[in-house]
PDB file of N, CA and C in Angstrom:
ATOM      1  N   MET A   1      74.194  96.081 102.813  1.00  0.00           N
ATOM      2  CA  MET A   1      75.190  94.769 102.542  1.00  0.00           C
ATOM      3  C   MET A   1      74.126  93.484 102.106  1.00  0.00           C
ATOM      4  N   SER A   2      74.461  93.088 100.597  1.00  0.00           N
ATOM      5  CA  SER A   2      73.882  92.154 100.320  1.00  0.00           C
ATOM      6  C   SER A   2      74.325  90.631 100.774  1.00  0.00           C
ATOM      7  N   SER A   3      73.624  89.901 100.935  1.00  0.00           N
ATOM      8  CA  SER A   3      73.740  88.582 101.163  1.00  0.00           C
ATOM      9  C   SER A   3      74.835  87.893 100.813  1.00  0.00           C
ATOM     10  N   THR A   4      74.977  88.089  99.273  1.00  0.00           N
ATOM     11  CA  THR A   4      76.170  87.513  98.565  1.00  0.00           C
ATOM     12  C   THR A   4      77.443  88.149  98.693  1.00  0.00           C
ATOM     13  N   ALA A   5      77.764  89.460  99.134  1.00  0.00           N
ATOM     14  CA  ALA A   5      78.875  90.039  99.053  1.00  0.00           C
ATOM     15  C   ALA A   5      79.745  88.974 100.186  1.00  0.00           C
ATOM     16  N   CYS A   6      79.476  88.435 101.016  1.00  0.00           N
ATOM     17  CA  CYS A   6      80.159  87.410 101.712  1.00  0.00           C
ATOM     18  C   CYS A   6      80.528  86.035 101.069  1.00  0.00           C
ATOM     19  N   LEU A   7      80.008  85.761 100.288  1.00  0.00           N
ATOM     20  CA  LEU A   7      80.105  84.196  99.745  1.00  0.00           C
ATOM     21  C   LEU A   7      81.818  84.142  99.206  1.00  0.00           C
ATOM     22  N   LYS A   8      82.267  83.568  99.068  1.00  0.00           N
ATOM     23  CA  LYS A   8      83.557  82.712  98.340  1.00  0.00           C
ATOM     24  C   LYS A   8      82.973  82.342  96.808  1.00  0.00           C
ATOM     25  N   PRO A   9      83.835  82.592  96.030  1.00  0.00           N
ATOM     26  CA  PRO A   9      83.681  82.280  94.959  1.00  0.00           C
ATOM     27  C   PRO A   9      83.661  80.781  94.255  1.00  0.00           C
ATOM     28  N   THR A  10      83.008  80.503  93.514  1.00  0.00           N
ATOM     29  CA  THR A  10      83.151  78.785  93.524  1.00  0.00           C
ATOM     30  C   THR A  10      83.939  78.635  92.583  1.00  0.00           C
ATOM     31  N   ALA A  11      84.723  77.280  92.613  1.00  0.00           N
ATOM     32  CA  ALA A  11      85.538  76.789  91.554  1.00  0.00           C
ATOM     33  C   ALA A  11      85.397  77.150  90.190  1.00  0.00           C
ATOM     34  N   TRP A  12      84.168  76.937  89.735  1.00  0.00           N
ATOM     35  CA  TRP A  12      84.235  77.435  88.230  1.00  0.00           C
ATOM     36  C   TRP A  12      84.415  78.976  88.003  1.00  0.00           C
ATOM     37  N   GLU A  13      84.214  80.093  89.058  1.00  0.00           N
ATOM     38  CA  GLU A  13      84.089  81.602  88.877  1.00  0.00           C
ATOM     39  C   GLU A  13      85.693  81.561  88.854  1.00  0.00           C
ATOM     40  N   ILE A  14      86.395  80.741  89.738  1.00  0.00           N
ATOM     41  CA  ILE A  14      87.903  81.245  89.876  1.00  0.00           C
ATOM     42  C   ILE A  14      88.558  80.667  88.390  1.00  0.00           C
ATOM     43  N   ILE A  15      88.131  79.835  87.995  1.00  0.00           N
ATOM     44  CA  ILE A  15      88.523  79.103  86.804  1.00  0.00           C
ATOM     45  C   ILE A  15      88.523  79.924  85.758  1.00  0.00           C
ATOM     46  N   ASP A  16      86.872  80.476  85.705  1.00  0.00           N
ATOM     47  CA  ASP A  16      86.251  81.647  84.427  1.00  0.00           C
ATOM     48  C   ASP A  16      87.221  82.834  84.739  1.00  0.00           C
ATOM     49  N   ALA A  17      87.717  83.457  85.676  1.00  0.00           N
ATOM     50  CA  ALA A  17      88.410  84.605  85.886  1.00  0.00           C
ATOM     51  C   ALA A  17      89.901  84.318  85.646  1.00  0.00           C
ATOM     52  N   ILE A  18      90.529  83.078  85.798  1.00  0.00           N
ATOM     53  CA  ILE A  18      91.943  82.956  85.218  1.00  0.00           C
ATOM     54  C   ILE A  18      91.784  82.635  83.334  1.00  0.00           C
ATOM     55  N   ILE A  19      90.681  81.888  83.152  1.00  0.00           N
ATOM     56  CA  ILE A  19      90.691  82.113  81.638  1.00  0.00           C
ATOM     57  C   ILE A  19      90.742  83.527  80.938  1.00  0.00           C
ATOM     58  N   HIS A  20      89.854  84.373  81.672  1.00  0.00           N
ATOM     59  CA  HIS A  20      89.698  85.559  81.335  1.00  0.00           C
ATOM     60  C   HIS A  20      91.181  86.348  81.354  1.00  0.00           C
ATOM     61  N   GLU A  21      91.816  86.396  82.032  1.00  0.00           N
ATOM     62  CA  GLU A  21      93.149  86.866  82.519  1.00  0.00           C
ATOM     63  C   GLU A  21      94.188  86.362  81.679  1.00  0.00           C
ATOM     64  N   TRP A  22      94.131  85.110  81.128  1.00  0.00           N
ATOM     65  CA  TRP A  22      94.968  84.181  79.939  1.00  0.00           C
ATOM     66  C   TRP A  22      94.547  85.113  78.743  1.00  0.00           C
ATOM     67  N   HIS A  23      93.268  85.366  78.638  1.00  0.00           N
ATOM     68  CA  HIS A  23      92.658  85.679  77.312  1.00  0.00           C
ATOM     69  C   HIS A  23      93.273  87.081  76.779  1.00  0.00           C
ATOM     70  N   GLU A  24      93.021  88.090  78.292  1.00  0.00           N
ATOM     71  CA  GLU A  24      93.465  89.276  77.759  1.00  0.00           C
ATOM     72  C   GLU A  24      94.950  89.114  77.207  1.00  0.00           C
ATOM     73  N   SER A  25      95.979  88.516  78.280  1.00  0.00           N
ATOM     74  CA  SER A  25      97.326  88.614  78.212  1.00  0.00           C
ATOM     75  C   SER A  25      97.698  87.952  76.902  1.00  0.00           C
ATOM     76  N   ALA A  26      96.754  87.233  76.384  1.00  0.00           N
ATOM     77  CA  ALA A  26      97.234  86.647  74.932  1.00  0.00           C
ATOM     78  C   ALA A  26      97.154  87.990  73.561  1.00  0.00           C
ATOM     79  N   VAL A  27      96.018  88.607  73.999  1.00  0.00           N
ATOM     80  CA  VAL A  27      95.478  89.486  73.431  1.00  0.00           C
ATOM     81  C   VAL A  27      96.826  90.879  73.316  1.00  0.00           C
ATOM     82  N   ALA A  28      97.260  90.973  74.759  1.00  0.00           N
ATOM     83  CA  ALA A  28      98.124  92.124  75.074  1.00  0.00           C
ATOM     84  C   ALA A  28      99.322  91.415  74.148  1.00  0.00           C
ATOM     85  N   ILE A  29      99.821  90.021  74.165  1.00  0.00           N
ATOM     86  CA  ILE A  29     100.819  90.062  73.852  1.00  0.00           C
ATOM     87  C   ILE A  29     101.008  89.486  71.975  1.00  0.00           C
ATOM     88  N   ALA A  30      99.964  89.836  71.413  1.00  0.00           N
ATOM     89  CA  ALA A  30      99.561  89.673  69.989  1.00  0.00           C
ATOM     90  C   ALA A  30      99.641  91.250  69.474  1.00  0.00           C
ATOM     91  N   SER A  31      99.632  91.752  70.402  1.00  0.00           N
ATOM     92  CA  SER A  31      99.736  93.402  70.067  1.00  0.00           C
ATOM     93  C   SER A  31     100.484  93.931  69.596  1.00  0.00           C
ATOM     94  N   PRO A  32     100.332  94.934  68.394  1.00  0.00           N
ATOM     95  CA  PRO A  32     101.597  95.460  67.483  1.00  0.00           C
ATOM     96  C   PRO A  32     102.039  96.500  68.167  1.00  0.00           C
ATOM     97  N   GLU A  33     101.338  97.154  68.983  1.00  0.00           N
ATOM     98  CA  GLU A  33     101.803  98.378  69.839  1.00  0.00           C
ATOM     99  C   GLU A  33     102.651  97.933  71.009  1.00  0.00           C
ATOM    100  N   LEU A  34     102.355  96.571  71.688  1.00  0.00           N
ATOM    101  CA  LEU A  34     103.371  95.996  72.731  1.00  0.00           C
ATOM    102  C   LEU A  34     104.717  95.864  72.322  1.00  0.00           C
ATOM    103  N   ALA A  35     104.310  95.030  71.019  1.00  0.00           N
ATOM    104  CA  ALA A  35     105.830  94.983  70.377  1.00  0.00           C
ATOM    105  C   ALA A  35     106.696  95.924  69.943  1.00  0.00           C
ATOM    106  N   ALA A  36     106.371  96.920  69.346  1.00  0.00           N
ATOM    107  CA  ALA A  36     106.514  98.248  69.323  1.00  0.00           C
ATOM    108  C   ALA A  36     107.262  98.903  70.516  1.00  0.00           C
ATOM    109  N   ALA A  37     106.465  98.483  72.007  1.00  0.00           N
ATOM    110  CA  ALA A  37     107.235  99.914  73.091  1.00  0.00           C
ATOM    111  C   ALA A  37     108.425  98.690  73.133  1.00  0.00           C
ATOM    112  N   PHE A  38     108.451  97.098  72.975  1.00  0.00           N
ATOM    113  CA  PHE A  38     109.422  96.394  73.595  1.00  0.00           C
ATOM    114  C   PHE A  38     110.515  96.631  72.694  1.00  0.00           C
ATOM    115  N   SER A  39     110.268  96.714  71.576  1.00  0.00           N
ATOM    116  CA  SER A  39     111.344  97.177  70.815  1.00  0.00           C
ATOM    117  C   SER A  39     112.012  98.602  70.296  1.00  0.00           C
ATOM    118  N   ALA A  40     111.704  99.544  71.034  1.00  0.00           N
ATOM    119  CA  ALA A  40     112.078 101.051  70.630  1.00  0.00           C
ATOM    120  C   ALA A  40     113.148 101.229  71.557  1.00  0.00           C
ATOM    121  N   GLU A  41     113.813 101.892  71.152  1.00  0.00           N
ATOM    122  CA  GLU A  41     114.746 102.784  71.727  1.00  0.00           C
ATOM    123  C   GLU A  41     114.528 103.381  72.921  1.00  0.00           C
ATOM    124  N   THR A  42     115.249 103.167  73.716  1.00  0.00           N
ATOM    125  CA  THR A  42     114.636 103.690  75.232  1.00  0.00           C
ATOM    126  C   THR A  42     115.466 105.284  75.162  1.00  0.00           C
ATOM    127  N   ASP A  43     115.038 106.412  75.974  1.00  0.00           N
ATOM    128  CA  ASP A  43     115.738 107.403  76.167  1.00  0.00           C
ATOM    129  C   ASP A  43     115.696 107.675  77.648  1.00  0.00           C
ATOM    130  N   GLU A  44     116.155 106.825  78.478  1.00  0.00           N
ATOM    131  CA  GLU A  44     116.281 106.543  79.531  1.00  0.00           C
ATOM    132  C   GLU A  44     117.862 107.427  79.946  1.00  0.00           C
ATOM    133  N   ILE A  45     118.101 107.830  81.047  1.00  0.00           N
ATOM    134  CA  ILE A  45     119.123 108.598  81.283  1.00  0.00           C
ATOM    135  C   ILE A  45     119.881 107.659  82.501  1.00  0.00           C
ATOM    136  N   PRO A  46     120.788 106.958  82.678  1.00  0.00           N
ATOM    137  CA  PRO A  46     121.140 106.179  83.805  1.00  0.00           C
ATOM    138  C   PRO A  46     121.254 106.828  85.164  1.00  0.00           C
ATOM    139  N   LEU A  47     121.011 106.605  86.467  1.00  0.00           N
ATOM    140  CA  LEU A  47     120.703 107.142  87.411  1.00  0.00           C
ATOM    141  C   LEU A  47     122.115 107.053  88.032  1.00  0.00           C
ATOM    142  N   LYS A  48     122.734 108.511  88.671  1.00  0.00           N
ATOM    143  CA  LYS A  48     124.187 108.486  89.093  1.00  0.00           C
ATOM    144  C   LYS A  48     124.340 108.262  90.486  1.00  0.00           C
ATOM    145  N   SER A  49     125.081 107.525  90.995  1.00  0.00           N
ATOM    146  CA  SER A  49     125.603 106.945  92.430  1.00  0.00           C
ATOM    147  C   SER A  49     124.833 108.005  93.512  1.00  0.00           C
ATOM    148  N   PRO A  50     124.584 107.757  94.731  1.00  0.00           N
ATOM    149  CA  PRO A  50     123.739 108.660  95.536  1.00  0.00           C
ATOM    150  C   PRO A  50     125.165 109.310  96.266  1.00  0.00           C
ATOM    151  N   SER A  51     125.391 110.717  96.383  1.00  0.00           N
ATOM    152  CA  SER A  51     126.051 111.380  96.838  1.00  0.00           C
ATOM    153  C   SER A  51     126.247 111.344  98.498  1.00  0.00           C
ATOM    154  N   THR A  52     127.558 110.955  98.788  1.00  0.00           N
ATOM    155  CA  THR A  52     127.556 111.096 100.423  1.00  0.00           C
ATOM    156  C   THR A  52     127.562 112.213 101.099  1.00  0.00           C
ATOM    157  N   GLN A  53     127.763 113.562 100.565  1.00  0.00           N
ATOM    158  CA  GLN A  53     127.548 114.778 100.837  1.00  0.00           C
ATOM    159  C   GLN A  53     126.202 115.238 101.383  1.00  0.00           C
ATOM    160  N   SER A  54     126.047 116.155 102.576  1.00  0.00           N
ATOM    161  CA  SER A  54     124.954 116.706 102.985  1.00  0.00           C
ATOM    162  C   SER A  54     124.397 117.518 101.557  1.00  0.00           C
ATOM    163  N   ALA A  55     123.140 117.206 101.842  1.00  0.00           N
ATOM    164  CA  ALA A  55     122.350 118.061 100.904  1.00  0.00           C
ATOM    165  C   ALA A  55     121.979 119.563 101.381  1.00  0.00           C
ATOM    166  N   VAL A  56     122.456 120.392 102.492  1.00  0.00           N
ATOM    167  CA  VAL A  56     122.129 121.253 102.998  1.00  0.00           C
ATOM    168  C   VAL A  56     123.080 122.360 102.427  1.00  0.00           C
TER     169      VAL A  56
END
């Protein structure tokens, strides 16, 4: 185990990680694939109410 494994990230490393995540979110939001996925018709089937009868 290296001696750096137990060190907490610095404030600049945390800020860098946040900016990285924001950038990835911005790329995803601008993605035409994501827009198409959200605007696509769904083919989901609604769930039925659970049965109160025994399944045996």
